[in-house]
Amino acid sequence: METKARHIAIILDGNRRYAKKLLKEPWKGHDSGAEKVEKLFDWCKELGVAELTLYLFSMQNFNRDKKEVDYLMDLFCKFFESEKIKNKIRNNQIKIRFIGRRYLLPKKVQEIIARLEHETKDHSDFTANFALAYGGREEIVDGVNKILKGGKVKEVDEKVFSEYLQLQSQPDLIIRTGGERRTSNFLIWQSWYSEWFFLEKYWPEFEKEDLIKVLEEFNQRERRYGR
C-alpha cells in the first residue's frame, strides 16, 4: 500500500498490563514491547513511512518504583547495544535521534545516546526519534529558556519558536495503544494537527496488520487544517 503518512508517532502503552494478563511481573512486559519495536522498523520501511517517533519514557515515569525504572534503563542499554539492532540501523541507514532531558538519565544511557546519534548522523534513508525522559510541556519550557538565555531573538513567532524545540518535524498521525484516550504530555507543540488513533490492544500485541489498518484509515481522512 502507498501511505500518505510520512511521519508517524506512537505512544507505546500497555506493556505492564500485558505482563499482568500473562501473570508475569509487571515490568517484564517491557521486554515484549522492545521486541515489537524491532519489528516496527521493518514494517515502516515496507509501508513507506520515512520518520518514526516513539514515546519510550516520560518525565512522569520517573515517579514509578525504582526497581522498574532501573529495569527500563537496563533494557534501553541492552536494546540499543544489541548487535541485531546495530546491524538493522546500519543496513537500513537509519538516523537515530533522542529527545528529552537526557541529563536526567543514567550516565551509561547518556553515553549510548550520544554515540548512536554521532554514528548515524549521516544516515538519510529513515529517521527514528526516541523520546526518553521526555515531556511536551517540559520541551516547551526548555525552548523558552533557550531563547531567554540566548538573548539574540527580538521577536518570537511560531516558526522561530519551533527552531528551539528538540523535534522540529510534525507527525502526520499519532497512535496510542493500550486503550487509554489521552495525549499524556506527548508532542504538545508538534501534534497540533496530527490525526490521533487510539487502539485497545496493548503495545506488545500490536501487529503489522494494525499499522496497515491505521494507515489505510489515515489515507481516507480529509485534513482541512481549519479550512
N, C-alpha and C. Protein backbone atom coordinates (compact mmCIF):
# COMPACT_ATOMS: atom_id res chain seq x y z
N MET A 1 0.83 -1.19 0.00
CA MET A 1 0.00 0.00 0.00
C MET A 1 0.87 1.25 0.00
N GLU A 2 0.33 2.33 -0.53
CA GLU A 2 1.05 3.60 -0.55
C GLU A 2 0.43 4.51 0.51
N THR A 3 1.21 4.87 1.52
CA THR A 3 0.66 5.70 2.59
C THR A 3 0.99 7.17 2.39
N LYS A 4 0.05 8.02 2.79
CA LYS A 4 0.29 9.47 2.74
C LYS A 4 1.05 9.94 3.97
N ALA A 5 1.13 9.09 4.97
CA ALA A 5 1.78 9.46 6.23
C ALA A 5 3.29 9.27 6.11
N ARG A 6 4.03 10.35 6.19
CA ARG A 6 5.48 10.28 6.13
C ARG A 6 6.10 10.15 7.51
N HIS A 7 5.45 10.74 8.50
CA HIS A 7 5.97 10.72 9.88
C HIS A 7 4.86 10.23 10.80
N ILE A 8 5.11 9.12 11.49
CA ILE A 8 4.14 8.63 12.47
C ILE A 8 4.80 8.59 13.85
N ALA A 9 4.00 8.81 14.87
CA ALA A 9 4.47 8.75 16.25
C ALA A 9 3.59 7.76 17.01
N ILE A 10 4.19 7.12 18.00
CA ILE A 10 3.45 6.10 18.75
C ILE A 10 3.73 6.22 20.24
N ILE A 11 2.67 6.22 21.04
CA ILE A 11 2.78 6.11 22.49
C ILE A 11 2.67 4.61 22.80
N LEU A 12 3.78 4.04 23.24
CA LEU A 12 3.86 2.58 23.44
C LEU A 12 3.29 2.23 24.81
N ASP A 13 1.98 2.10 24.89
CA ASP A 13 1.32 1.93 26.18
C ASP A 13 0.78 0.50 26.33
N GLY A 14 0.80 0.01 27.56
CA GLY A 14 0.18 -1.26 27.88
C GLY A 14 1.13 -2.40 28.16
N ASN A 15 2.44 -2.13 28.23
CA ASN A 15 3.40 -3.20 28.50
C ASN A 15 3.13 -3.90 29.83
N ARG A 16 2.90 -3.11 30.88
CA ARG A 16 2.73 -3.69 32.22
C ARG A 16 1.42 -4.48 32.32
N ARG A 17 0.36 -3.93 31.73
CA ARG A 17 -0.92 -4.64 31.77
C ARG A 17 -0.87 -5.93 30.95
N TYR A 18 -0.08 -5.91 29.89
CA TYR A 18 0.11 -7.12 29.09
C TYR A 18 0.80 -8.20 29.93
N ALA A 19 1.82 -7.81 30.68
CA ALA A 19 2.53 -8.77 31.54
C ALA A 19 1.60 -9.32 32.62
N LYS A 20 0.81 -8.45 33.22
CA LYS A 20 -0.12 -8.89 34.25
C LYS A 20 -1.12 -9.89 33.69
N LYS A 21 -1.55 -9.65 32.46
CA LYS A 21 -2.50 -10.57 31.83
C LYS A 21 -1.90 -11.97 31.68
N LEU A 22 -0.58 -12.00 31.51
CA LEU A 22 0.13 -13.27 31.37
C LEU A 22 0.66 -13.78 32.71
N LEU A 23 0.25 -13.10 33.80
CA LEU A 23 0.65 -13.46 35.16
C LEU A 23 2.16 -13.36 35.38
N LYS A 24 2.79 -12.36 34.74
CA LYS A 24 4.21 -12.09 34.92
C LYS A 24 4.38 -10.84 35.75
N GLU A 25 5.61 -10.59 36.22
CA GLU A 25 5.89 -9.34 36.92
C GLU A 25 5.63 -8.19 35.94
N PRO A 26 5.00 -7.11 36.42
CA PRO A 26 4.57 -6.04 35.51
C PRO A 26 5.66 -5.51 34.58
N TRP A 27 6.87 -5.29 35.11
CA TRP A 27 7.91 -4.68 34.26
C TRP A 27 8.45 -5.63 33.20
N LYS A 28 8.15 -6.95 33.33
CA LYS A 28 8.62 -7.90 32.31
C LYS A 28 7.94 -7.67 30.96
N GLY A 29 6.81 -6.95 30.98
CA GLY A 29 6.13 -6.65 29.72
C GLY A 29 6.94 -5.74 28.83
N HIS A 30 7.89 -5.01 29.40
CA HIS A 30 8.72 -4.11 28.60
C HIS A 30 9.63 -4.88 27.65
N ASP A 31 10.02 -6.11 28.03
CA ASP A 31 10.83 -6.94 27.13
C ASP A 31 10.06 -7.25 25.85
N SER A 32 8.80 -7.62 26.02
CA SER A 32 7.96 -7.91 24.86
C SER A 32 7.74 -6.65 24.03
N GLY A 33 7.63 -5.52 24.70
CA GLY A 33 7.48 -4.25 23.99
C GLY A 33 8.69 -3.91 23.15
N ALA A 34 9.89 -4.18 23.68
CA ALA A 34 11.13 -3.91 22.95
C ALA A 34 11.21 -4.77 21.69
N GLU A 35 10.79 -6.02 21.78
CA GLU A 35 10.81 -6.91 20.61
C GLU A 35 9.89 -6.38 19.51
N LYS A 36 8.80 -5.77 19.91
CA LYS A 36 7.86 -5.23 18.92
C LYS A 36 8.44 -3.99 18.23
N VAL A 37 9.22 -3.19 18.95
CA VAL A 37 9.86 -2.02 18.35
C VAL A 37 10.79 -2.45 17.22
N GLU A 38 11.52 -3.52 17.45
CA GLU A 38 12.45 -4.02 16.42
C GLU A 38 11.69 -4.36 15.13
N LYS A 39 10.54 -5.03 15.27
CA LYS A 39 9.75 -5.38 14.10
C LYS A 39 9.16 -4.14 13.43
N LEU A 40 8.86 -3.13 14.22
CA LEU A 40 8.25 -1.90 13.71
C LEU A 40 9.12 -1.23 12.65
N PHE A 41 10.43 -1.26 12.84
CA PHE A 41 11.34 -0.67 11.85
C PHE A 41 11.08 -1.27 10.46
N ASP A 42 10.97 -2.60 10.41
CA ASP A 42 10.77 -3.28 9.13
C ASP A 42 9.40 -2.93 8.53
N TRP A 43 8.38 -2.89 9.37
CA TRP A 43 7.05 -2.56 8.86
C TRP A 43 7.01 -1.17 8.25
N CYS A 44 7.61 -0.20 8.95
CA CYS A 44 7.59 1.18 8.47
C CYS A 44 8.32 1.30 7.13
N LYS A 45 9.45 0.63 7.01
CA LYS A 45 10.21 0.67 5.77
C LYS A 45 9.39 0.10 4.62
N GLU A 46 8.74 -1.02 4.87
CA GLU A 46 7.95 -1.68 3.84
C GLU A 46 6.75 -0.84 3.41
N LEU A 47 6.16 -0.09 4.36
CA LEU A 47 4.94 0.66 4.07
C LEU A 47 5.21 2.10 3.63
N GLY A 48 6.47 2.49 3.55
CA GLY A 48 6.79 3.81 3.00
C GLY A 48 6.81 4.95 4.00
N VAL A 49 6.86 4.63 5.29
CA VAL A 49 6.98 5.68 6.32
C VAL A 49 8.44 6.12 6.38
N ALA A 50 8.68 7.41 6.46
CA ALA A 50 10.05 7.94 6.42
C ALA A 50 10.58 8.32 7.80
N GLU A 51 9.68 8.59 8.75
CA GLU A 51 10.12 9.03 10.08
C GLU A 51 9.19 8.46 11.15
N LEU A 52 9.81 8.08 12.26
CA LEU A 52 9.08 7.45 13.36
C LEU A 52 9.51 8.09 14.67
N THR A 53 8.54 8.45 15.51
CA THR A 53 8.86 8.98 16.84
C THR A 53 8.16 8.12 17.88
N LEU A 54 8.94 7.58 18.82
CA LEU A 54 8.40 6.65 19.81
C LEU A 54 8.55 7.22 21.22
N TYR A 55 7.46 7.18 21.97
CA TYR A 55 7.43 7.66 23.35
C TYR A 55 7.81 6.49 24.25
N LEU A 56 9.07 6.44 24.67
CA LEU A 56 9.56 5.31 25.46
C LEU A 56 9.47 5.54 26.96
N PHE A 57 9.79 6.76 27.39
CA PHE A 57 9.87 7.02 28.84
C PHE A 57 9.62 8.50 29.08
N SER A 58 8.55 8.79 29.81
CA SER A 58 8.17 10.18 30.04
C SER A 58 8.81 10.73 31.31
N MET A 59 8.74 12.03 31.46
CA MET A 59 9.22 12.65 32.69
C MET A 59 8.45 12.12 33.89
N GLN A 60 7.17 11.87 33.69
CA GLN A 60 6.33 11.38 34.78
C GLN A 60 6.66 9.93 35.15
N ASN A 61 7.25 9.18 34.22
CA ASN A 61 7.62 7.79 34.51
C ASN A 61 8.70 7.67 35.58
N PHE A 62 9.43 8.75 35.84
CA PHE A 62 10.42 8.73 36.91
C PHE A 62 9.76 8.50 38.27
N ASN A 63 8.44 8.72 38.35
CA ASN A 63 7.73 8.53 39.61
C ASN A 63 7.40 7.07 39.89
N ARG A 64 7.70 6.18 38.96
CA ARG A 64 7.43 4.76 39.17
C ARG A 64 8.42 4.16 40.16
N ASP A 65 8.14 2.95 40.58
CA ASP A 65 9.01 2.24 41.50
C ASP A 65 10.44 2.19 40.95
N LYS A 66 11.42 2.44 41.81
CA LYS A 66 12.82 2.50 41.37
C LYS A 66 13.26 1.21 40.69
N LYS A 67 12.76 0.08 41.17
CA LYS A 67 13.13 -1.19 40.57
C LYS A 67 12.72 -1.25 39.11
N GLU A 68 11.53 -0.73 38.82
CA GLU A 68 11.05 -0.75 37.43
C GLU A 68 11.83 0.25 36.58
N VAL A 69 12.09 1.43 37.13
CA VAL A 69 12.86 2.44 36.38
C VAL A 69 14.25 1.90 36.05
N ASP A 70 14.91 1.28 37.01
CA ASP A 70 16.24 0.70 36.77
C ASP A 70 16.17 -0.40 35.72
N TYR A 71 15.12 -1.20 35.78
CA TYR A 71 14.94 -2.28 34.81
C TYR A 71 14.81 -1.70 33.40
N LEU A 72 14.03 -0.62 33.28
CA LEU A 72 13.84 0.02 31.98
C LEU A 72 15.14 0.59 31.44
N MET A 73 15.92 1.23 32.31
CA MET A 73 17.19 1.82 31.87
C MET A 73 18.15 0.73 31.38
N ASP A 74 18.17 -0.40 32.07
CA ASP A 74 19.00 -1.52 31.64
C ASP A 74 18.50 -2.07 30.29
N LEU A 75 17.19 -2.09 30.13
CA LEU A 75 16.61 -2.59 28.89
C LEU A 75 16.97 -1.68 27.72
N PHE A 76 16.92 -0.36 27.95
CA PHE A 76 17.31 0.58 26.90
C PHE A 76 18.74 0.31 26.45
N CYS A 77 19.62 0.10 27.41
CA CYS A 77 21.03 -0.16 27.09
C CYS A 77 21.17 -1.45 26.28
N LYS A 78 20.52 -2.50 26.72
CA LYS A 78 20.61 -3.79 26.02
C LYS A 78 20.06 -3.69 24.61
N PHE A 79 18.96 -2.96 24.46
CA PHE A 79 18.31 -2.83 23.15
C PHE A 79 19.22 -2.10 22.16
N PHE A 80 19.70 -0.94 22.56
CA PHE A 80 20.48 -0.12 21.64
C PHE A 80 21.91 -0.63 21.44
N GLU A 81 22.37 -1.51 22.32
CA GLU A 81 23.71 -2.07 22.17
C GLU A 81 23.71 -3.46 21.54
N SER A 82 22.54 -4.03 21.31
CA SER A 82 22.49 -5.37 20.73
C SER A 82 22.99 -5.34 19.29
N GLU A 83 23.70 -6.37 18.89
CA GLU A 83 24.25 -6.44 17.54
C GLU A 83 23.13 -6.48 16.50
N LYS A 84 22.02 -7.10 16.86
CA LYS A 84 20.90 -7.20 15.93
C LYS A 84 20.35 -5.82 15.59
N ILE A 85 20.20 -4.97 16.60
CA ILE A 85 19.69 -3.62 16.38
C ILE A 85 20.74 -2.77 15.66
N LYS A 86 21.99 -2.91 16.07
CA LYS A 86 23.06 -2.15 15.40
C LYS A 86 23.12 -2.49 13.91
N ASN A 87 23.00 -3.77 13.58
CA ASN A 87 23.02 -4.17 12.17
C ASN A 87 21.82 -3.64 11.41
N LYS A 88 20.66 -3.66 12.06
CA LYS A 88 19.45 -3.14 11.42
C LYS A 88 19.59 -1.65 11.14
N ILE A 89 20.12 -0.92 12.10
CA ILE A 89 20.34 0.53 11.93
C ILE A 89 21.32 0.79 10.80
N ARG A 90 22.40 0.04 10.78
CA ARG A 90 23.44 0.24 9.76
C ARG A 90 22.95 -0.18 8.38
N ASN A 91 22.36 -1.35 8.27
CA ASN A 91 21.94 -1.86 6.97
C ASN A 91 20.81 -1.05 6.34
N ASN A 92 19.99 -0.44 7.19
CA ASN A 92 18.85 0.34 6.68
C ASN A 92 19.11 1.85 6.72
N GLN A 93 20.35 2.23 7.08
CA GLN A 93 20.73 3.65 7.09
C GLN A 93 19.73 4.49 7.89
N ILE A 94 19.47 4.03 9.12
CA ILE A 94 18.52 4.72 10.00
C ILE A 94 19.24 5.78 10.82
N LYS A 95 18.77 7.00 10.73
CA LYS A 95 19.30 8.07 11.57
C LYS A 95 18.58 8.02 12.92
N ILE A 96 19.35 7.95 14.00
CA ILE A 96 18.78 7.85 15.34
C ILE A 96 18.90 9.20 16.05
N ARG A 97 17.79 9.64 16.62
CA ARG A 97 17.79 10.87 17.41
C ARG A 97 17.03 10.63 18.72
N PHE A 98 17.44 11.34 19.76
CA PHE A 98 16.77 11.24 21.06
C PHE A 98 16.29 12.62 21.48
N ILE A 99 15.08 12.67 22.02
CA ILE A 99 14.54 13.92 22.54
C ILE A 99 14.16 13.71 24.00
N GLY A 100 14.31 14.75 24.80
CA GLY A 100 14.02 14.66 26.22
C GLY A 100 15.16 15.24 27.04
N ARG A 101 14.98 15.26 28.33
CA ARG A 101 16.00 15.79 29.24
C ARG A 101 17.00 14.69 29.55
N ARG A 102 17.89 14.45 28.61
CA ARG A 102 18.80 13.31 28.70
C ARG A 102 19.74 13.39 29.89
N TYR A 103 19.96 14.60 30.42
CA TYR A 103 20.87 14.75 31.56
C TYR A 103 20.30 14.08 32.81
N LEU A 104 19.02 13.73 32.80
CA LEU A 104 18.41 13.04 33.94
C LEU A 104 18.59 11.53 33.86
N LEU A 105 19.06 11.04 32.73
CA LEU A 105 19.23 9.61 32.53
C LEU A 105 20.56 9.14 33.11
N PRO A 106 20.68 7.85 33.43
CA PRO A 106 21.97 7.33 33.92
C PRO A 106 23.08 7.61 32.91
N LYS A 107 24.29 7.75 33.41
CA LYS A 107 25.43 8.11 32.57
C LYS A 107 25.61 7.15 31.40
N LYS A 108 25.45 5.85 31.66
CA LYS A 108 25.64 4.87 30.59
C LYS A 108 24.64 5.07 29.47
N VAL A 109 23.38 5.38 29.83
CA VAL A 109 22.36 5.63 28.80
C VAL A 109 22.74 6.87 28.00
N GLN A 110 23.20 7.92 28.69
CA GLN A 110 23.62 9.14 28.01
C GLN A 110 24.74 8.86 27.02
N GLU A 111 25.68 8.03 27.41
CA GLU A 111 26.81 7.70 26.53
C GLU A 111 26.35 6.95 25.28
N ILE A 112 25.43 6.01 25.46
CA ILE A 112 24.90 5.25 24.34
C ILE A 112 24.14 6.17 23.38
N ILE A 113 23.35 7.07 23.95
CA ILE A 113 22.60 8.03 23.15
C ILE A 113 23.54 8.87 22.29
N ALA A 114 24.54 9.44 22.92
CA ALA A 114 25.50 10.30 22.21
C ALA A 114 26.21 9.53 21.10
N ARG A 115 26.61 8.30 21.39
CA ARG A 115 27.33 7.51 20.39
C ARG A 115 26.44 7.17 19.20
N LEU A 116 25.20 6.77 19.47
CA LEU A 116 24.29 6.41 18.38
C LEU A 116 23.98 7.61 17.49
N GLU A 117 23.76 8.75 18.09
CA GLU A 117 23.47 9.94 17.30
C GLU A 117 24.66 10.30 16.42
N HIS A 118 25.85 10.19 16.98
CA HIS A 118 27.05 10.52 16.21
C HIS A 118 27.26 9.53 15.07
N GLU A 119 27.12 8.24 15.35
CA GLU A 119 27.37 7.21 14.35
C GLU A 119 26.36 7.23 13.21
N THR A 120 25.16 7.75 13.46
CA THR A 120 24.11 7.71 12.43
C THR A 120 23.77 9.08 11.85
N LYS A 121 24.53 10.09 12.19
CA LYS A 121 24.18 11.46 11.79
C LYS A 121 24.11 11.66 10.27
N ASP A 122 24.85 10.85 9.52
CA ASP A 122 24.84 10.98 8.06
C ASP A 122 23.89 10.01 7.37
N HIS A 123 23.18 9.18 8.14
CA HIS A 123 22.20 8.28 7.55
C HIS A 123 20.99 9.08 7.07
N SER A 124 20.42 8.68 5.97
CA SER A 124 19.36 9.51 5.39
C SER A 124 18.14 8.74 4.88
N ASP A 125 18.15 7.40 4.98
CA ASP A 125 17.03 6.64 4.43
C ASP A 125 15.79 6.66 5.34
N PHE A 126 16.00 6.77 6.64
CA PHE A 126 14.90 6.70 7.61
C PHE A 126 15.35 7.37 8.89
N THR A 127 14.41 8.03 9.59
CA THR A 127 14.73 8.68 10.87
C THR A 127 13.88 8.09 11.98
N ALA A 128 14.54 7.71 13.07
CA ALA A 128 13.84 7.20 14.25
C ALA A 128 14.16 8.08 15.44
N ASN A 129 13.14 8.73 15.99
CA ASN A 129 13.29 9.59 17.16
C ASN A 129 12.77 8.85 18.38
N PHE A 130 13.57 8.81 19.44
CA PHE A 130 13.17 8.14 20.68
C PHE A 130 13.02 9.18 21.78
N ALA A 131 11.83 9.23 22.38
CA ALA A 131 11.55 10.18 23.45
C ALA A 131 11.85 9.52 24.79
N LEU A 132 12.93 9.97 25.45
CA LEU A 132 13.37 9.43 26.73
C LEU A 132 13.50 10.58 27.72
N ALA A 133 12.94 10.40 28.93
CA ALA A 133 12.90 11.50 29.90
C ALA A 133 12.28 12.72 29.22
N TYR A 134 11.20 12.44 28.48
CA TYR A 134 10.57 13.48 27.65
C TYR A 134 9.21 13.90 28.20
N GLY A 135 8.89 15.15 27.99
CA GLY A 135 7.56 15.67 28.27
C GLY A 135 7.32 16.86 27.37
N GLY A 136 6.12 16.95 26.80
CA GLY A 136 5.82 18.06 25.90
C GLY A 136 5.88 19.42 26.56
N ARG A 137 5.34 19.51 27.78
CA ARG A 137 5.39 20.78 28.50
C ARG A 137 6.82 21.15 28.84
N GLU A 138 7.59 20.13 29.26
CA GLU A 138 8.99 20.37 29.61
C GLU A 138 9.78 20.84 28.38
N GLU A 139 9.47 20.25 27.22
CA GLU A 139 10.15 20.65 25.99
C GLU A 139 9.89 22.13 25.67
N ILE A 140 8.65 22.55 25.86
CA ILE A 140 8.30 23.95 25.61
C ILE A 140 9.00 24.88 26.59
N VAL A 141 9.00 24.50 27.87
CA VAL A 141 9.69 25.30 28.89
C VAL A 141 11.17 25.41 28.56
N ASP A 142 11.78 24.28 28.17
CA ASP A 142 13.21 24.29 27.83
C ASP A 142 13.47 25.18 26.62
N GLY A 143 12.53 25.17 25.66
CA GLY A 143 12.68 26.02 24.49
C GLY A 143 12.63 27.50 24.85
N VAL A 144 11.72 27.86 25.74
CA VAL A 144 11.62 29.25 26.21
C VAL A 144 12.92 29.67 26.90
N ASN A 145 13.44 28.80 27.74
CA ASN A 145 14.67 29.13 28.46
C ASN A 145 15.86 29.28 27.52
N LYS A 146 15.90 28.50 26.44
CA LYS A 146 16.96 28.67 25.44
C LYS A 146 16.90 30.05 24.80
N ILE A 147 15.69 30.48 24.50
CA ILE A 147 15.52 31.80 23.90
C ILE A 147 15.96 32.90 24.86
N LEU A 148 15.55 32.75 26.13
CA LEU A 148 15.90 33.77 27.13
C LEU A 148 17.41 33.82 27.37
N LYS A 149 18.04 32.66 27.40
CA LYS A 149 19.49 32.62 27.65
C LYS A 149 20.28 33.11 26.45
N GLY A 150 19.73 32.86 25.24
CA GLY A 150 20.45 33.28 24.03
C GLY A 150 20.51 34.78 23.88
N GLY A 151 19.41 35.43 24.20
CA GLY A 151 19.38 36.89 24.17
C GLY A 151 19.48 37.52 22.79
N LYS A 152 19.35 36.73 21.73
CA LYS A 152 19.51 37.27 20.38
C LYS A 152 18.19 37.43 19.64
N VAL A 153 17.15 36.77 20.13
CA VAL A 153 15.85 36.82 19.45
C VAL A 153 15.06 38.03 19.94
N LYS A 154 14.70 38.91 19.01
CA LYS A 154 13.95 40.12 19.36
C LYS A 154 12.44 39.89 19.33
N GLU A 155 12.02 39.01 18.46
CA GLU A 155 10.59 38.72 18.34
C GLU A 155 10.40 37.24 18.04
N VAL A 156 9.43 36.63 18.71
CA VAL A 156 9.20 35.20 18.56
C VAL A 156 7.86 34.96 17.87
N ASP A 157 7.91 34.19 16.79
CA ASP A 157 6.68 33.70 16.19
C ASP A 157 6.74 32.17 16.20
N GLU A 158 5.74 31.52 15.63
CA GLU A 158 5.70 30.06 15.69
C GLU A 158 6.91 29.42 15.01
N LYS A 159 7.32 29.98 13.88
CA LYS A 159 8.46 29.41 13.15
C LYS A 159 9.74 29.52 13.96
N VAL A 160 9.97 30.69 14.55
CA VAL A 160 11.18 30.90 15.35
C VAL A 160 11.16 29.98 16.57
N PHE A 161 10.02 29.90 17.26
CA PHE A 161 9.96 29.08 18.46
C PHE A 161 10.21 27.61 18.15
N SER A 162 9.67 27.13 17.03
CA SER A 162 9.85 25.73 16.66
C SER A 162 11.32 25.36 16.54
N GLU A 163 12.14 26.32 16.15
CA GLU A 163 13.57 26.05 15.97
C GLU A 163 14.27 25.79 17.30
N TYR A 164 13.63 26.17 18.41
CA TYR A 164 14.23 25.96 19.73
C TYR A 164 13.71 24.70 20.42
N LEU A 165 12.88 23.95 19.71
CA LEU A 165 12.39 22.69 20.25
C LEU A 165 13.31 21.56 19.83
N GLN A 166 13.22 20.44 20.52
CA GLN A 166 14.10 19.31 20.21
C GLN A 166 13.65 18.56 18.97
N LEU A 167 12.37 18.59 18.69
CA LEU A 167 11.84 17.93 17.49
C LEU A 167 11.11 18.96 16.65
N GLN A 168 11.65 19.26 15.48
CA GLN A 168 11.04 20.26 14.61
C GLN A 168 9.95 19.67 13.70
N SER A 169 10.12 18.41 13.31
CA SER A 169 9.14 17.81 12.39
C SER A 169 7.84 17.49 13.13
N GLN A 170 6.75 17.46 12.37
CA GLN A 170 5.43 17.24 12.95
C GLN A 170 4.85 15.91 12.44
N PRO A 171 4.41 15.05 13.34
CA PRO A 171 3.86 13.76 12.89
C PRO A 171 2.52 13.93 12.18
N ASP A 172 2.35 13.18 11.10
CA ASP A 172 1.06 13.19 10.40
C ASP A 172 0.00 12.50 11.24
N LEU A 173 0.41 11.44 11.92
CA LEU A 173 -0.54 10.71 12.76
C LEU A 173 0.16 10.20 14.01
N ILE A 174 -0.62 10.05 15.07
CA ILE A 174 -0.11 9.53 16.34
C ILE A 174 -0.99 8.38 16.78
N ILE A 175 -0.36 7.28 17.12
CA ILE A 175 -1.07 6.09 17.60
C ILE A 175 -0.80 5.93 19.09
N ARG A 176 -1.86 5.64 19.84
CA ARG A 176 -1.68 5.26 21.24
C ARG A 176 -2.31 3.90 21.45
N THR A 177 -1.51 2.95 21.90
CA THR A 177 -2.02 1.62 22.21
C THR A 177 -2.45 1.57 23.68
N GLY A 178 -3.08 0.47 24.08
CA GLY A 178 -3.37 0.25 25.49
C GLY A 178 -4.75 0.67 25.96
N GLY A 179 -5.56 1.25 25.07
CA GLY A 179 -6.93 1.57 25.44
C GLY A 179 -7.17 2.92 26.10
N GLU A 180 -6.12 3.60 26.52
CA GLU A 180 -6.29 4.93 27.13
C GLU A 180 -6.52 5.97 26.04
N ARG A 181 -7.28 7.00 26.35
CA ARG A 181 -7.60 8.04 25.36
C ARG A 181 -7.19 9.41 25.89
N ARG A 182 -5.89 9.57 26.03
CA ARG A 182 -5.34 10.87 26.42
C ARG A 182 -3.97 11.00 25.77
N THR A 183 -3.48 12.24 25.71
CA THR A 183 -2.23 12.50 24.98
C THR A 183 -1.00 12.41 25.86
N SER A 184 -1.16 12.46 27.18
CA SER A 184 -0.09 12.20 28.15
C SER A 184 1.18 12.99 27.89
N ASN A 185 1.02 14.29 27.62
CA ASN A 185 2.18 15.19 27.57
C ASN A 185 3.14 14.85 26.42
N PHE A 186 2.60 14.32 25.33
CA PHE A 186 3.43 13.88 24.20
C PHE A 186 3.30 14.84 23.03
N LEU A 187 4.43 15.43 22.63
CA LEU A 187 4.49 16.28 21.44
C LEU A 187 3.37 17.33 21.41
N ILE A 188 3.24 18.05 22.51
CA ILE A 188 2.17 19.04 22.63
C ILE A 188 2.20 20.06 21.50
N TRP A 189 3.38 20.56 21.18
CA TRP A 189 3.51 21.58 20.14
C TRP A 189 3.39 20.96 18.75
N GLN A 190 4.08 19.86 18.53
CA GLN A 190 4.17 19.28 17.19
C GLN A 190 2.89 18.60 16.73
N SER A 191 2.01 18.21 17.66
CA SER A 191 0.83 17.43 17.30
C SER A 191 -0.41 18.29 17.06
N TRP A 192 -0.22 19.57 16.84
CA TRP A 192 -1.37 20.49 16.74
C TRP A 192 -2.37 20.08 15.67
N TYR A 193 -1.92 19.44 14.58
CA TYR A 193 -2.86 18.96 13.55
C TYR A 193 -2.60 17.50 13.19
N SER A 194 -2.02 16.75 14.10
CA SER A 194 -1.84 15.32 13.86
C SER A 194 -3.19 14.61 13.98
N GLU A 195 -3.33 13.53 13.23
CA GLU A 195 -4.51 12.67 13.35
C GLU A 195 -4.21 11.63 14.43
N TRP A 196 -5.13 11.49 15.39
CA TRP A 196 -4.91 10.57 16.51
C TRP A 196 -5.69 9.27 16.30
N PHE A 197 -5.05 8.16 16.69
CA PHE A 197 -5.68 6.85 16.64
C PHE A 197 -5.45 6.16 17.99
N PHE A 198 -6.53 5.79 18.66
CA PHE A 198 -6.45 5.12 19.96
C PHE A 198 -6.86 3.66 19.80
N LEU A 199 -5.93 2.76 20.11
CA LEU A 199 -6.17 1.33 19.93
C LEU A 199 -6.32 0.64 21.29
N GLU A 200 -7.18 -0.36 21.33
CA GLU A 200 -7.41 -1.10 22.56
C GLU A 200 -6.27 -2.07 22.87
N LYS A 201 -5.58 -2.54 21.87
CA LYS A 201 -4.51 -3.51 22.07
C LYS A 201 -3.37 -2.94 22.90
N TYR A 202 -2.77 -3.79 23.72
CA TYR A 202 -1.56 -3.40 24.42
C TYR A 202 -0.41 -3.37 23.41
N TRP A 203 0.62 -2.57 23.70
CA TRP A 203 1.69 -2.43 22.73
C TRP A 203 2.31 -3.77 22.30
N PRO A 204 2.62 -4.70 23.19
CA PRO A 204 3.21 -5.97 22.74
C PRO A 204 2.30 -6.77 21.82
N GLU A 205 1.00 -6.43 21.80
CA GLU A 205 0.05 -7.14 20.94
C GLU A 205 -0.09 -6.49 19.57
N PHE A 206 0.51 -5.34 19.39
CA PHE A 206 0.40 -4.58 18.15
C PHE A 206 1.07 -5.34 17.01
N GLU A 207 0.39 -5.44 15.86
CA GLU A 207 0.93 -6.19 14.73
C GLU A 207 0.94 -5.34 13.46
N LYS A 208 1.60 -5.84 12.46
CA LYS A 208 1.70 -5.13 11.18
C LYS A 208 0.31 -4.82 10.62
N GLU A 209 -0.62 -5.74 10.79
CA GLU A 209 -1.98 -5.53 10.28
C GLU A 209 -2.64 -4.33 10.96
N ASP A 210 -2.33 -4.09 12.23
CA ASP A 210 -2.88 -2.93 12.93
C ASP A 210 -2.33 -1.64 12.34
N LEU A 211 -1.03 -1.64 12.04
CA LEU A 211 -0.42 -0.46 11.43
C LEU A 211 -1.01 -0.20 10.05
N ILE A 212 -1.19 -1.25 9.27
CA ILE A 212 -1.78 -1.09 7.94
C ILE A 212 -3.19 -0.52 8.03
N LYS A 213 -3.97 -1.02 8.98
CA LYS A 213 -5.35 -0.54 9.16
C LYS A 213 -5.37 0.95 9.51
N VAL A 214 -4.46 1.37 10.39
CA VAL A 214 -4.39 2.79 10.77
C VAL A 214 -4.00 3.63 9.56
N LEU A 215 -3.00 3.19 8.81
CA LEU A 215 -2.55 3.94 7.64
C LEU A 215 -3.64 4.02 6.58
N GLU A 216 -4.40 2.96 6.41
CA GLU A 216 -5.49 2.98 5.44
C GLU A 216 -6.56 3.98 5.86
N GLU A 217 -6.88 4.00 7.16
CA GLU A 217 -7.88 4.97 7.63
C GLU A 217 -7.34 6.39 7.50
N PHE A 218 -6.05 6.57 7.80
CA PHE A 218 -5.45 7.90 7.65
C PHE A 218 -5.57 8.39 6.21
N ASN A 219 -5.33 7.50 5.26
CA ASN A 219 -5.42 7.89 3.84
C ASN A 219 -6.81 8.36 3.46
N GLN A 220 -7.83 7.90 4.21
CA GLN A 220 -9.21 8.27 3.90
C GLN A 220 -9.65 9.56 4.59
N ARG A 221 -8.90 9.98 5.59
CA ARG A 221 -9.29 11.18 6.33
C ARG A 221 -8.96 12.45 5.52
N GLU A 222 -9.85 13.43 5.64
CA GLU A 222 -9.61 14.72 4.98
C GLU A 222 -9.02 15.70 5.99
N ARG A 223 -7.81 16.13 5.76
CA ARG A 223 -7.12 17.04 6.68
C ARG A 223 -7.30 18.47 6.19
N ARG A 224 -8.19 19.20 6.85
CA ARG A 224 -8.57 20.52 6.35
C ARG A 224 -7.78 21.67 7.01
N TYR A 225 -7.10 21.38 8.10
CA TYR A 225 -6.29 22.41 8.78
C TYR A 225 -7.08 23.71 9.03
N GLY A 226 -8.32 23.54 9.47
CA GLY A 226 -9.13 24.70 9.82
C GLY A 226 -9.88 25.32 8.67
N ARG A 227 -9.63 24.84 7.46
CA ARG A 227 -10.30 25.44 6.29
C ARG A 227 -11.74 24.95 6.17
